[in-house]
Every structure is written in C-alpha cells, then in structure tokens.
Amino acid sequence: MGKVLLSLHVLAEIVFIGPVTVAVSVFPRYARATSGRSAEVVALLHRISRVYAVLGLSVPVLGIALAAHLGVLGDAWVVASLVLTIAAALVLAVVILPAQ
C-alpha cells in the first residue's frame, strides 16, 4: 500500500502542480495584453489554474496518507513539509489572491 500511495503522491505532484505552475507563470503576460485574443487566453489560463488548483489539493492529502501509513507523521521532515505547505497556502490566500 505504501508504494501505491507514494506513486500516486508523486504522480499527482507532476500532473497537477506542473500545469498550474506554467499557467500561472504566463498569466500576467496575457492579462496585460490588450488584444481580443488575449481575453480568450486569459479565460483559458484562469480555468486551467482553478481546476488544477483544486486537483492539486490531492498532493498534500496523499502525502499525509503516505506519512500516516509509514508511521512517520510526527517526524521533523514531515512536520516541516506540512508547515511549509500551509505557509505557502496562507501567502497565496492572504497576499497574492487579494492583489489580483
């Protein structure tokens, strides 16, 4: 079961976090453009970002499930990873999203 959870965790990281990173990184360039085509691209990038952000929530969930299965949920590296993930989510929710 541990190998399955690890495989799913890594696969979810690659499939769900990668595309949202690319979509978010090119979003400002198209958002600043004034052509009509840019509006369509911005709408598509927004939809990609929103869908993959929700799907990306599976990464920490699978990580927590894996750590619990392995019995390392209280280890320092797991706690540090959870703290950093929560800090990143707070920065995104409090600083970045309201600024957009």
Protein backbone atom coordinates (compact mmCIF):
# COMPACT_ATOMS: atom_id res chain seq x y z
CA MET A 1 0.00 0.00 0.00
CA GLY A 2 2.89 2.36 0.75
CA LYS A 3 4.29 2.01 -2.76
CA VAL A 4 0.88 2.77 -4.26
CA LEU A 5 0.45 5.88 -2.09
CA LEU A 6 3.97 7.06 -2.92
CA SER A 7 3.39 6.52 -6.65
CA LEU A 8 0.07 8.39 -6.51
CA HIS A 9 1.64 11.23 -4.49
CA VAL A 10 4.50 11.70 -6.97
CA LEU A 11 2.22 11.30 -10.00
CA ALA A 12 -0.25 13.85 -8.60
CA GLU A 13 2.64 16.26 -7.98
CA ILE A 14 3.82 16.00 -11.57
CA VAL A 15 0.41 16.01 -13.26
CA PHE A 16 -1.44 18.55 -11.11
CA ILE A 17 1.22 21.00 -9.90
CA GLY A 18 3.22 21.31 -13.14
CA PRO A 19 0.42 22.60 -15.40
CA VAL A 20 -0.85 25.12 -12.84
CA THR A 21 2.71 26.44 -12.43
CA VAL A 22 3.02 27.03 -16.16
CA ALA A 23 -0.46 28.56 -16.46
CA VAL A 24 0.12 30.93 -13.56
CA SER A 25 3.56 31.96 -14.82
CA VAL A 26 2.28 33.04 -18.27
CA PHE A 27 -0.97 34.55 -16.97
CA PRO A 28 0.38 38.11 -16.33
CA ARG A 29 1.80 38.45 -19.84
CA TYR A 30 -1.58 37.75 -21.44
CA ALA A 31 -3.53 39.69 -18.81
CA ARG A 32 -1.58 42.86 -19.67
CA ALA A 33 -2.12 42.46 -23.42
CA THR A 34 -4.99 44.37 -24.99
CA SER A 35 -5.98 42.23 -27.97
CA GLY A 36 -9.26 40.32 -28.10
CA ARG A 37 -7.38 37.04 -28.45
CA SER A 38 -5.67 37.73 -25.12
CA ALA A 39 -9.02 37.75 -23.33
CA GLU A 40 -9.70 34.21 -24.57
CA VAL A 41 -6.24 33.06 -23.48
CA VAL A 42 -6.64 34.68 -20.05
CA ALA A 43 -10.01 32.95 -19.58
CA LEU A 44 -8.46 29.60 -20.52
CA LEU A 45 -5.47 30.10 -18.21
CA HIS A 46 -7.81 31.09 -15.39
CA ARG A 47 -9.89 27.95 -15.88
CA ILE A 48 -6.74 25.77 -16.00
CA SER A 49 -5.42 27.40 -12.83
CA ARG A 50 -8.70 26.96 -10.97
CA VAL A 51 -9.24 23.31 -11.95
CA TYR A 52 -5.66 22.21 -11.37
CA ALA A 53 -5.50 24.07 -8.05
CA VAL A 54 -8.43 22.01 -6.79
CA LEU A 55 -6.89 18.81 -8.16
CA GLY A 56 -3.56 19.82 -6.64
CA LEU A 57 -5.09 19.52 -3.18
CA SER A 58 -4.70 15.77 -3.64
CA VAL A 59 -0.90 16.14 -3.32
CA PRO A 60 -0.81 17.05 0.40
CA VAL A 61 -3.71 14.69 1.12
CA LEU A 62 -1.82 11.78 -0.44
CA GLY A 63 1.35 12.89 1.33
CA ILE A 64 -0.37 12.87 4.71
CA ALA A 65 -1.91 9.48 3.96
CA LEU A 66 1.50 8.12 2.99
CA ALA A 67 3.18 9.53 6.11
CA ALA A 68 0.43 8.08 8.30
CA HIS A 69 0.76 4.69 6.59
CA LEU A 70 4.53 4.68 7.09
CA GLY A 71 4.14 5.84 10.71
CA VAL A 72 6.31 8.94 10.23
CA LEU A 73 3.62 11.58 10.66
CA GLY A 74 5.40 13.07 13.67
CA ASP A 75 8.89 13.14 12.11
CA ALA A 76 10.52 16.54 11.76
CA TRP A 77 10.76 16.43 7.96
CA VAL A 78 7.04 15.66 7.62
CA VAL A 79 6.06 18.38 10.08
CA ALA A 80 8.36 20.86 8.29
CA SER A 81 6.82 19.92 4.95
CA LEU A 82 3.30 20.44 6.31
CA VAL A 83 4.25 23.78 7.88
CA LEU A 84 5.79 25.00 4.61
CA THR A 85 2.75 23.85 2.63
CA ILE A 86 0.40 25.67 5.00
CA ALA A 87 2.61 28.79 4.90
CA ALA A 88 2.58 28.78 1.10
CA ALA A 89 -1.21 28.41 1.08
CA LEU A 90 -1.56 31.33 3.51
CA VAL A 91 0.74 33.55 1.43
CA LEU A 92 -1.30 32.68 -1.63
CA ALA A 93 -4.64 33.32 0.08
CA VAL A 94 -3.70 36.45 2.04
CA VAL A 95 -1.12 38.23 -0.13
CA ILE A 96 -1.33 37.12 -3.74
CA LEU A 97 -5.03 36.47 -4.39
CA PRO A 98 -6.32 39.79 -2.98
CA ALA A 99 -3.70 41.65 -5.02
CA GLN A 100 -5.05 40.15 -8.22
